[in-house]
Amino acid sequence: MLKYFLGNSPKWFKAIMIGFLICNVIIYLINPTICAWVFIGEFIFTLAMALKCYPLQSGGLLAIEILALNLTTPENAYTEVEHNLEVVLLLVFMVAGIYFMKPLLMYIFSKAFTRIKSKMVLSLLFAFLAAVLSAFLDALTVTAVLISVAVGFYGVYHKIHSMSDSDFDQDGTLDRKELSGDTLEQFRSFLRSLVMHGVVGTALGGVCTLVGEPQNLLIGERMGWDFIEFFLKMAPISLPVLAAGLVTTIVLELTGSFGFGAKLPEVARRIIENYTDEEDANRSDKSKYGLIVQAVSAILLIIGLALHLAPVGFIGLALIIVQTAFMGITEEHHLGKAFEEALPFTGLLVVFFVIVAMIHDQHLFTPIIDWALSLDPEKQPSMFYVANGVLSMISDNVFVATVYIGEVKQAFDNGVITREQFEKLAIAINTGTNLPSVATPNGQAAFLFLLTSSLAPLIGLSYGRMVKMALPYTIVLGGIGLLGIIYIL
């Protein structure tokens, strides 16, 4: 059974999962409440082991067992999904809508890549562009664009480097020795640092708006905030953090610390500039027309979100319809590719809601929330921020936010806290799950997406190296966010 169970996951992980499934039944017979707590620990473990096995399978097996043991019911789990349907629609339709906008995003990033000579300015622009795009689009899609750009440029470099002697540099402007050894490693380091700046940028922008991260919409829906109101509520914390994050980008590039600071080798610049110039010259009228359609769609998207013309998922669906209709994409199999990126995480989100339903039915977090709410009201937001931040470093921030906002909403409905305090705690939960979670790939889906992508081995980006490079950002973003919660809220 171990041969096929959970695919290519390590044998030790498979054995642990089988042990979990067997032991849970025994623990349930002893004490259902203890068993529910064990399930939470096991589920967090599956999230932490996402690099070994995507959590939909391992965590999903736990969710099925939870339902089988009647720790929650399918009806209650469905109620959780129903309450958060807008988040599900966001993932299904908005991510797919942005998929058709990828050529425009790649065009923008490619132009920035080749036209800006200063590495510091380029890094700052990548972080800022990623932040702005993630505030209106989806962090995973923006990360996918960054990966596509980097993989494309690395492929061009590698293709030139791998040419036969007869084909290599017929005009005599390049020397093969220039492309090997230290130059190649410097090029990898350059791409690695640039992509890391960009992915951190998705977190800087993602915390700001209703659609920046899935948990933002979940929190905004519970609070009754629209796009503008959500932005204004978060701005006292999110905007100083954004500024501090961009300053950190500058400092890291100037000091060259934590693996940053590598410059683009001149020989690599010449190769990439020649490639992009050739691409521009060969771009067809159809492709140029497509860029115009995508740019207009982007403007309409921003207007639709800012004015809250419809639920976010509906706006995403409209984005799909408009772009595909005007670009002539009408075959079903061409449309299907757009949904591939979002659906696995959408499935995982539904699994989250089964765990959340169990937490509510078993009243697991009630004593903790009651204790937290018994503290001085001025200390509560900072306590929630720290608790959410620590959990989001090792677990998925959507799961953490789902649990905490649900419990706090229940406390508000029961008259335990005022509306003003409820809003402060919601802000603390949103910033706490978005900012400190950059510490590891476990907390931020965009980081995990980058680490498991085809780009990571090409540029030598391991788990440990990602944690090291993210450390200064973790300290700055987490620290400034906490100071804002303490002194501004």
Protein backbone atom coordinates (compact mmCIF):
# COMPACT_ATOMS: atom_id res chain seq x y z
CA MET A 1 0.00 0.00 0.00
CA LEU A 2 2.84 2.40 0.81
CA LYS A 3 4.06 2.08 -2.77
CA TYR A 4 1.05 3.93 -4.20
CA PHE A 5 -0.30 5.77 -1.14
CA LEU A 6 0.32 9.56 -1.48
CA GLY A 7 2.37 9.08 -4.65
CA ASN A 8 6.02 10.12 -4.49
CA SER A 9 5.94 11.37 -0.91
CA PRO A 10 8.73 10.01 1.35
CA LYS A 11 8.04 6.65 2.98
CA TRP A 12 8.38 8.16 6.45
CA PHE A 13 5.68 10.72 5.65
CA LYS A 14 3.36 8.01 4.34
CA ALA A 15 3.92 5.94 7.49
CA ILE A 16 3.20 8.96 9.69
CA MET A 17 -0.06 9.66 7.86
CA ILE A 18 -1.22 6.06 8.21
CA GLY A 19 -0.29 6.21 11.89
CA PHE A 20 -2.33 9.41 12.26
CA LEU A 21 -5.41 7.83 10.70
CA ILE A 22 -5.22 4.76 12.95
CA CYS A 23 -4.34 6.56 16.20
CA ASN A 24 -7.12 9.12 15.72
CA VAL A 25 -9.77 6.40 16.06
CA ILE A 26 -8.22 5.15 19.30
CA ILE A 27 -7.94 8.67 20.75
CA TYR A 28 -11.52 9.43 19.73
CA LEU A 29 -12.77 6.44 21.72
CA ILE A 30 -10.91 7.79 24.78
CA ASN A 31 -11.89 11.48 24.49
CA PRO A 32 -13.40 13.23 21.41
CA THR A 33 -12.21 16.69 22.52
CA ILE A 34 -8.60 15.57 22.82
CA CYS A 35 -8.97 13.88 19.45
CA ALA A 36 -10.16 17.16 17.89
CA TRP A 37 -7.07 18.95 19.20
CA VAL A 38 -4.89 16.15 17.81
CA PHE A 39 -6.55 16.62 14.42
CA ILE A 40 -5.61 20.33 14.47
CA GLY A 41 -1.97 19.49 15.22
CA GLU A 42 -1.94 16.86 12.48
CA PHE A 43 -3.50 19.22 9.97
CA ILE A 44 -0.92 21.91 10.72
CA PHE A 45 1.73 19.21 10.24
CA THR A 46 0.37 18.44 6.76
CA LEU A 47 0.55 22.15 5.90
CA ALA A 48 4.13 22.33 7.16
CA MET A 49 5.01 19.30 5.01
CA ALA A 50 3.56 20.86 1.86
CA LEU A 51 6.87 20.36 0.03
CA LYS A 52 6.64 16.62 0.63
CA CYS A 53 2.95 16.25 -0.28
CA TYR A 54 0.41 18.84 -1.35
CA PRO A 55 -1.92 19.26 1.69
CA LEU A 56 -5.10 18.61 -0.28
CA GLN A 57 -4.46 14.86 -0.13
CA SER A 58 -2.95 14.46 3.34
CA GLY A 59 -5.12 17.11 4.96
CA GLY A 60 -8.15 15.94 3.00
CA LEU A 61 -7.84 12.43 4.43
CA LEU A 62 -7.90 13.93 7.92
CA ALA A 63 -10.99 15.97 7.00
CA ILE A 64 -12.79 12.84 5.77
CA GLU A 65 -11.92 11.06 9.01
CA ILE A 66 -13.23 14.03 11.01
CA LEU A 67 -16.57 13.70 9.24
CA ALA A 68 -16.57 9.93 9.68
CA LEU A 69 -15.99 10.30 13.44
CA ASN A 70 -18.80 12.88 13.60
CA LEU A 71 -16.58 15.59 15.11
CA THR A 72 -18.49 17.81 12.70
CA THR A 73 -21.15 17.17 10.08
CA PRO A 74 -21.19 17.65 6.31
CA GLU A 75 -24.04 20.13 6.83
CA ASN A 76 -21.97 22.30 9.18
CA ALA A 77 -18.96 22.11 6.87
CA TYR A 78 -21.18 23.17 3.98
CA THR A 79 -22.46 26.07 6.09
CA GLU A 80 -18.85 27.25 6.50
CA VAL A 81 -18.36 27.06 2.73
CA GLU A 82 -21.64 28.88 2.18
CA HIS A 83 -20.59 31.70 4.53
CA ASN A 84 -17.35 32.05 2.59
CA LEU A 85 -18.68 31.49 -0.93
CA GLU A 86 -17.31 34.85 -2.09
CA VAL A 87 -13.79 33.68 -1.25
CA VAL A 88 -14.30 30.49 -3.24
CA LEU A 89 -15.59 32.48 -6.22
CA LEU A 90 -12.59 34.81 -5.90
CA LEU A 91 -10.17 31.90 -6.22
CA VAL A 92 -12.03 30.19 -9.04
CA PHE A 93 -12.78 33.18 -11.27
CA MET A 94 -10.39 36.01 -10.39
CA VAL A 95 -7.26 33.87 -10.67
CA ALA A 96 -8.51 32.48 -13.98
CA GLY A 97 -9.33 36.00 -15.18
CA ILE A 98 -5.81 37.22 -14.44
CA TYR A 99 -4.41 34.18 -16.29
CA PHE A 100 -5.49 35.76 -19.57
CA MET A 101 -3.72 38.97 -18.54
CA LYS A 102 -0.33 37.27 -18.18
CA PRO A 103 1.08 38.50 -21.55
CA LEU A 104 0.54 42.12 -20.46
CA LEU A 105 2.10 41.52 -17.04
CA MET A 106 5.07 39.73 -18.59
CA TYR A 107 5.48 42.59 -21.07
CA ILE A 108 5.60 45.11 -18.22
CA PHE A 109 8.10 43.13 -16.13
CA SER A 110 10.25 42.31 -19.18
CA LYS A 111 10.52 45.96 -20.15
CA ALA A 112 11.51 46.89 -16.61
CA PHE A 113 14.04 44.06 -16.60
CA THR A 114 15.86 45.21 -19.72
CA ARG A 115 15.51 48.99 -19.61
CA ILE A 116 16.66 49.71 -16.05
CA LYS A 117 20.41 49.42 -15.52
CA SER A 118 20.58 49.98 -11.74
CA LYS A 119 20.01 46.78 -9.75
CA MET A 120 18.78 48.75 -6.75
CA VAL A 121 16.20 50.65 -8.82
CA LEU A 122 15.19 47.45 -10.61
CA SER A 123 14.72 45.60 -7.30
CA LEU A 124 12.71 48.47 -5.89
CA LEU A 125 10.54 48.59 -9.01
CA PHE A 126 9.95 44.83 -8.97
CA ALA A 127 8.90 44.93 -5.31
CA PHE A 128 6.67 47.96 -5.90
CA LEU A 129 5.08 46.58 -9.09
CA ALA A 130 4.43 43.24 -7.39
CA ALA A 131 2.86 45.08 -4.43
CA VAL A 132 0.58 47.21 -6.61
CA LEU A 133 -0.46 44.28 -8.80
CA SER A 134 -1.09 42.02 -5.79
CA ALA A 135 -3.30 44.66 -4.23
CA PHE A 136 -5.68 44.45 -7.20
CA LEU A 137 -5.00 41.03 -8.65
CA ASP A 138 -3.84 37.78 -7.05
CA ALA A 139 -0.49 37.15 -5.38
CA LEU A 140 -0.18 33.67 -6.90
CA THR A 141 -0.73 35.02 -10.41
CA VAL A 142 1.77 37.83 -9.92
CA THR A 143 4.27 35.28 -8.60
CA ALA A 144 3.55 33.06 -11.62
CA VAL A 145 4.40 36.00 -13.89
CA LEU A 146 7.66 36.64 -12.02
CA ILE A 147 8.54 32.97 -12.38
CA SER A 148 7.68 32.97 -16.09
CA VAL A 149 9.84 36.03 -16.74
CA ALA A 150 12.81 34.61 -14.81
CA VAL A 151 12.50 31.15 -16.39
CA GLY A 152 12.25 32.73 -19.83
CA PHE A 153 15.39 34.82 -19.38
CA TYR A 154 17.30 31.93 -17.81
CA GLY A 155 16.25 29.77 -20.76
CA VAL A 156 17.57 32.32 -23.25
CA TYR A 157 20.88 32.52 -21.37
CA HIS A 158 21.15 28.73 -21.16
CA LYS A 159 20.28 28.32 -24.85
CA ILE A 160 23.11 30.66 -25.88
CA HIS A 161 25.47 28.96 -23.43
CA SER A 162 24.59 25.50 -24.85
CA MET A 163 25.06 26.36 -28.54
CA SER A 164 27.51 24.37 -30.59
CA ASP A 165 30.81 26.02 -31.41
CA SER A 166 29.74 26.46 -35.05
CA ASP A 167 26.58 28.33 -34.05
CA PHE A 168 27.93 30.22 -31.06
CA ASP A 169 28.32 33.98 -31.45
CA GLN A 170 28.89 34.22 -35.17
CA ASP A 171 29.37 37.97 -34.99
CA GLY A 172 32.20 37.64 -32.45
CA THR A 173 30.76 39.83 -29.73
CA LEU A 174 30.57 37.05 -27.09
CA ASP A 175 33.12 34.72 -25.55
CA ARG A 176 31.86 31.32 -24.33
CA LYS A 177 34.06 31.61 -21.23
CA GLU A 178 32.10 34.71 -20.25
CA LEU A 179 28.94 32.64 -19.84
CA SER A 180 30.32 29.95 -17.51
CA GLY A 181 31.59 29.66 -13.95
CA ASP A 182 31.31 32.76 -11.82
CA THR A 183 29.25 34.61 -14.44
CA LEU A 184 26.58 31.92 -14.48
CA GLU A 185 26.46 31.83 -10.68
CA GLN A 186 26.21 35.62 -10.57
CA PHE A 187 23.34 35.50 -13.06
CA ARG A 188 21.55 32.93 -10.88
CA SER A 189 22.11 35.03 -7.79
CA PHE A 190 20.78 38.10 -9.63
CA LEU A 191 17.58 36.31 -10.64
CA ARG A 192 17.21 34.78 -7.18
CA SER A 193 17.37 38.10 -5.38
CA LEU A 194 15.13 39.85 -7.90
CA VAL A 195 12.40 37.22 -7.66
CA MET A 196 12.57 37.21 -3.85
CA HIS A 197 12.11 41.00 -3.81
CA GLY A 198 9.10 40.56 -6.07
CA VAL A 199 7.50 37.78 -4.00
CA VAL A 200 7.91 39.83 -0.81
CA GLY A 201 6.26 42.65 -2.75
CA THR A 202 3.18 40.47 -3.20
CA ALA A 203 2.89 40.28 0.60
CA LEU A 204 3.38 44.05 0.95
CA GLY A 205 0.52 44.74 -1.45
CA GLY A 206 -1.56 41.73 -0.49
CA VAL A 207 -2.22 43.01 3.03
CA CYS A 208 -3.64 46.31 1.77
CA THR A 209 -6.86 45.44 -0.04
CA LEU A 210 -9.92 43.23 0.02
CA VAL A 211 -8.69 41.03 -2.85
CA GLY A 212 -4.98 41.00 -1.99
CA GLU A 213 -5.17 37.62 -0.24
CA PRO A 214 -8.03 35.11 0.13
CA GLN A 215 -8.27 35.67 3.90
CA ASN A 216 -8.69 39.43 3.34
CA LEU A 217 -11.97 38.85 1.56
CA LEU A 218 -13.02 36.40 4.24
CA ILE A 219 -12.33 39.00 6.94
CA GLY A 220 -13.90 41.82 4.92
CA GLU A 221 -17.04 39.74 4.35
CA ARG A 222 -17.42 39.11 8.10
CA MET A 223 -16.94 42.83 8.79
CA GLY A 224 -19.18 44.09 5.99
CA TRP A 225 -16.35 46.17 4.46
CA ASP A 226 -16.22 47.00 0.75
CA PHE A 227 -12.99 47.51 -1.22
CA ILE A 228 -12.41 51.17 -0.28
CA GLU A 229 -13.43 50.74 3.36
CA PHE A 230 -11.12 47.73 3.77
CA PHE A 231 -8.21 49.70 2.32
CA LEU A 232 -8.85 52.67 4.62
CA LYS A 233 -9.14 50.45 7.70
CA MET A 234 -5.82 48.73 6.96
CA ALA A 235 -3.96 51.81 5.70
CA PRO A 236 -2.64 53.04 9.09
CA ILE A 237 -0.76 49.73 9.38
CA SER A 238 -0.31 48.55 5.79
CA LEU A 239 1.08 51.76 4.25
CA PRO A 240 3.90 52.27 6.82
CA VAL A 241 4.74 48.59 6.40
CA LEU A 242 4.84 49.03 2.61
CA ALA A 243 7.21 51.97 2.97
CA ALA A 244 9.40 50.07 5.43
CA GLY A 245 9.48 47.05 3.12
CA LEU A 246 10.65 49.15 0.17
CA VAL A 247 13.33 50.78 2.33
CA THR A 248 14.46 47.29 3.35
CA THR A 249 14.80 46.42 -0.34
CA ILE A 250 17.12 49.40 -0.84
CA VAL A 251 19.21 48.57 2.24
CA LEU A 252 19.60 44.90 1.24
CA GLU A 253 20.77 45.85 -2.25
CA LEU A 254 23.19 48.49 -0.96
CA THR A 255 24.70 46.18 1.67
CA GLY A 256 24.55 42.96 -0.34
CA SER A 257 23.56 41.05 2.81
CA PHE A 258 21.36 37.96 3.22
CA GLY A 259 22.09 36.81 -0.34
CA PHE A 260 21.01 40.02 -2.09
CA GLY A 261 22.97 42.58 -4.11
CA ALA A 262 24.19 40.54 -7.11
CA LYS A 263 24.34 42.58 -10.33
CA LEU A 264 23.28 41.41 -13.79
CA PRO A 265 26.42 40.37 -15.70
CA GLU A 266 26.94 42.56 -18.74
CA VAL A 267 27.13 39.58 -21.08
CA ALA A 268 23.75 38.36 -19.78
CA ARG A 269 22.28 41.83 -20.27
CA ARG A 270 23.34 41.85 -23.93
CA ILE A 271 21.81 38.41 -24.53
CA ILE A 272 18.49 39.30 -22.91
CA GLU A 273 18.24 42.72 -24.57
CA ASN A 274 18.81 41.12 -27.98
CA TYR A 275 16.13 38.55 -27.20
CA THR A 276 13.51 41.10 -26.09
CA ASP A 277 14.24 43.33 -29.09
CA GLU A 278 13.74 40.33 -31.36
CA GLU A 279 10.48 39.46 -29.58
CA ASP A 280 9.19 43.02 -30.04
CA ALA A 281 10.11 43.01 -33.72
CA ASN A 282 8.36 39.68 -34.32
CA ARG A 283 5.23 40.44 -32.25
CA SER A 284 2.19 39.86 -34.45
CA ASP A 285 -0.71 42.27 -34.88
CA LYS A 286 -2.88 39.76 -32.99
CA SER A 287 -0.52 39.83 -30.01
CA LYS A 288 -0.41 43.63 -30.01
CA TYR A 289 -4.19 43.74 -30.11
CA GLY A 290 -4.30 41.26 -27.22
CA LEU A 291 -2.11 43.55 -25.08
CA ILE A 292 -4.54 46.42 -25.71
CA VAL A 293 -7.53 44.27 -24.69
CA GLN A 294 -5.71 43.17 -21.53
CA ALA A 295 -4.78 46.75 -20.62
CA VAL A 296 -8.38 47.92 -21.01
CA SER A 297 -9.54 44.92 -18.97
CA ALA A 298 -7.08 45.83 -16.21
CA ILE A 299 -8.53 49.35 -16.04
CA LEU A 300 -12.06 47.97 -15.91
CA LEU A 301 -11.00 45.56 -13.17
CA ILE A 302 -9.64 48.36 -10.99
CA ILE A 303 -12.79 50.43 -11.52
CA GLY A 304 -15.02 47.45 -10.74
CA LEU A 305 -13.16 46.65 -7.52
CA ALA A 306 -12.88 50.25 -6.34
CA LEU A 307 -16.58 50.95 -6.86
CA HIS A 308 -17.61 47.48 -5.63
CA LEU A 309 -19.88 47.07 -8.66
CA ALA A 310 -20.38 43.36 -7.95
CA PRO A 311 -19.01 40.56 -5.75
CA VAL A 312 -15.33 39.99 -6.47
CA GLY A 313 -15.90 36.57 -8.00
CA PHE A 314 -18.43 38.02 -10.45
CA ILE A 315 -15.94 40.70 -11.46
CA GLY A 316 -13.39 37.95 -12.11
CA LEU A 317 -15.89 36.04 -14.25
CA ALA A 318 -16.66 39.23 -16.21
CA LEU A 319 -12.91 39.66 -16.71
CA ILE A 320 -12.70 36.17 -18.22
CA ILE A 321 -15.64 36.80 -20.54
CA VAL A 322 -14.47 40.20 -21.78
CA GLN A 323 -10.87 39.16 -22.45
CA THR A 324 -11.66 35.85 -24.13
CA ALA A 325 -14.50 37.30 -26.20
CA PHE A 326 -12.44 40.16 -27.60
CA MET A 327 -9.27 38.10 -28.06
CA GLY A 328 -11.11 35.27 -29.84
CA ILE A 329 -10.40 32.55 -27.28
CA THR A 330 -13.50 30.39 -27.63
CA GLU A 331 -12.31 26.75 -27.50
CA GLU A 332 -13.16 24.98 -24.26
CA HIS A 333 -9.70 23.39 -23.83
CA HIS A 334 -8.08 26.83 -24.08
CA LEU A 335 -10.37 28.13 -21.35
CA GLY A 336 -9.71 25.13 -19.12
CA LYS A 337 -6.01 25.95 -18.69
CA ALA A 338 -6.90 29.18 -16.90
CA PHE A 339 -8.56 27.29 -14.06
CA GLU A 340 -5.72 24.85 -13.39
CA GLU A 341 -3.74 27.13 -11.07
CA ALA A 342 -6.58 27.99 -8.70
CA LEU A 343 -8.60 24.79 -8.33
CA PRO A 344 -6.13 22.77 -6.19
CA PHE A 345 -5.97 25.58 -3.64
CA THR A 346 -9.76 26.01 -3.84
CA GLY A 347 -10.11 22.33 -2.94
CA LEU A 348 -7.70 22.83 -0.05
CA LEU A 349 -9.74 25.81 1.14
CA VAL A 350 -12.87 23.63 1.37
CA VAL A 351 -10.82 21.18 3.47
CA PHE A 352 -9.93 24.15 5.71
CA PHE A 353 -13.61 24.77 6.25
CA VAL A 354 -14.15 21.19 7.44
CA ILE A 355 -11.45 21.74 10.09
CA VAL A 356 -13.00 25.09 11.02
CA ALA A 357 -16.43 23.48 11.35
CA MET A 358 -14.92 20.91 13.74
CA ILE A 359 -13.33 23.70 15.81
CA HIS A 360 -16.68 25.46 16.09
CA ASP A 361 -18.68 22.30 16.87
CA GLN A 362 -16.22 21.16 19.54
CA HIS A 363 -15.75 24.72 20.94
CA LEU A 364 -11.98 24.19 20.90
CA PHE A 365 -10.90 27.81 20.69
CA THR A 366 -13.60 29.21 22.95
CA PRO A 367 -11.48 29.05 26.17
CA ILE A 368 -8.51 30.64 24.39
CA ILE A 369 -10.58 33.42 22.86
CA ASP A 370 -12.37 34.00 26.17
CA TRP A 371 -8.99 34.34 27.92
CA ALA A 372 -7.69 36.70 25.24
CA LEU A 373 -10.83 38.82 25.44
CA SER A 374 -10.53 38.99 29.23
CA LEU A 375 -7.30 40.96 28.85
CA ASP A 376 -7.15 44.73 28.86
CA PRO A 377 -8.85 45.84 25.60
CA GLU A 378 -5.75 47.85 24.68
CA LYS A 379 -3.60 44.70 24.82
CA GLN A 380 -5.94 42.46 22.87
CA PRO A 381 -5.02 43.57 19.32
CA SER A 382 -1.28 43.08 19.86
CA MET A 383 -1.88 39.67 21.45
CA PHE A 384 -4.00 38.58 18.47
CA TYR A 385 -1.39 39.93 16.06
CA VAL A 386 1.42 37.93 17.70
CA ALA A 387 -0.66 34.76 18.01
CA ASN A 388 -1.74 34.92 14.36
CA GLY A 389 1.77 35.78 13.22
CA VAL A 390 3.45 32.87 14.98
CA LEU A 391 0.85 30.37 13.75
CA SER A 392 1.05 31.75 10.20
CA MET A 393 4.80 31.14 10.14
CA ILE A 394 4.28 27.39 10.44
CA SER A 395 0.79 26.99 9.01
CA ASP A 396 -1.22 28.47 6.18
CA ASN A 397 -2.34 32.06 6.85
CA VAL A 398 -5.77 31.47 5.28
CA PHE A 399 -6.49 28.67 7.73
CA VAL A 400 -5.30 30.72 10.72
CA ALA A 401 -7.34 33.78 9.70
CA THR A 402 -10.44 31.64 9.08
CA VAL A 403 -10.30 30.22 12.60
CA TYR A 404 -9.62 33.46 14.45
CA ILE A 405 -12.03 35.75 12.61
CA GLY A 406 -14.80 33.18 13.05
CA GLU A 407 -14.24 33.01 16.82
CA VAL A 408 -14.01 36.79 17.21
CA LYS A 409 -17.15 37.26 15.11
CA GLN A 410 -18.95 34.86 17.44
CA ALA A 411 -17.78 36.88 20.45
CA PHE A 412 -19.12 40.06 18.84
CA ASP A 413 -22.45 38.41 18.02
CA ASN A 414 -22.70 37.33 21.66
CA GLY A 415 -22.15 40.91 22.85
CA VAL A 416 -18.77 40.16 24.46
CA ILE A 417 -16.95 42.92 22.54
CA THR A 418 -17.99 46.21 20.98
CA ARG A 419 -18.03 46.96 17.26
CA GLU A 420 -14.98 49.22 17.69
CA GLN A 421 -13.00 46.46 19.40
CA PHE A 422 -14.18 43.95 16.81
CA GLU A 423 -12.73 46.14 14.05
CA LYS A 424 -9.41 46.48 15.87
CA LEU A 425 -9.14 42.73 16.29
CA ALA A 426 -10.04 42.17 12.62
CA ILE A 427 -7.23 44.50 11.58
CA ALA A 428 -4.85 42.69 13.92
CA ILE A 429 -5.87 39.30 12.50
CA ASN A 430 -5.48 40.47 8.89
CA THR A 431 -2.06 42.06 9.38
CA GLY A 432 -0.92 39.27 11.70
CA THR A 433 -1.64 36.58 9.13
CA ASN A 434 -0.22 38.54 6.17
CA LEU A 435 3.03 40.05 7.46
CA PRO A 436 4.97 37.67 9.76
CA SER A 437 3.99 34.77 7.50
CA VAL A 438 6.71 35.77 5.00
CA ALA A 439 9.14 34.03 7.39
CA THR A 440 8.64 30.62 5.74
CA PRO A 441 7.05 29.15 2.62
CA ASN A 442 4.51 27.41 4.88
CA GLY A 443 2.62 30.63 5.63
CA GLN A 444 2.48 32.36 2.25
CA ALA A 445 1.05 30.47 -0.72
CA ALA A 446 3.07 32.66 -3.11
CA PHE A 447 6.32 31.67 -1.39
CA LEU A 448 5.40 27.98 -1.50
CA PHE A 449 4.44 28.36 -5.17
CA LEU A 450 7.86 29.82 -5.95
CA LEU A 451 9.72 27.16 -3.97
CA THR A 452 7.93 24.30 -5.76
CA SER A 453 8.22 25.88 -9.21
CA SER A 454 10.58 24.86 -12.01
CA LEU A 455 12.54 28.07 -11.41
CA ALA A 456 13.73 27.23 -7.87
CA PRO A 457 16.31 24.55 -8.83
CA LEU A 458 17.54 26.63 -11.79
CA ILE A 459 18.50 29.56 -9.56
CA GLY A 460 19.49 27.49 -6.51
CA LEU A 461 16.60 28.58 -4.30
CA SER A 462 16.24 26.03 -1.49
CA TYR A 463 13.96 26.13 1.56
CA GLY A 464 16.79 27.22 3.83
CA ARG A 465 18.01 29.90 1.45
CA MET A 466 14.47 31.29 1.07
CA VAL A 467 14.06 31.50 4.86
CA LYS A 468 17.44 33.25 5.13
CA MET A 469 16.62 35.78 2.40
CA ALA A 470 13.18 36.43 3.89
CA LEU A 471 14.54 36.96 7.43
CA PRO A 472 15.24 40.72 7.21
CA TYR A 473 11.83 41.27 5.64
CA THR A 474 10.21 39.16 8.37
CA ILE A 475 11.81 41.27 11.10
CA VAL A 476 10.95 44.60 9.46
CA LEU A 477 7.43 43.76 8.28
CA GLY A 478 6.50 41.90 11.44
CA GLY A 479 8.06 44.52 13.71
CA ILE A 480 6.58 47.58 12.01
CA GLY A 481 3.20 45.85 11.88
CA LEU A 482 3.32 45.14 15.64
CA LEU A 483 4.35 48.71 16.44
CA GLY A 484 1.46 49.95 14.33
CA ILE A 485 -0.98 47.70 16.18
CA ILE A 486 0.31 48.92 19.56
CA TYR A 487 0.62 52.62 18.91
CA ILE A 488 -1.79 53.41 16.06
CA LEU A 489 -4.87 51.25 16.68
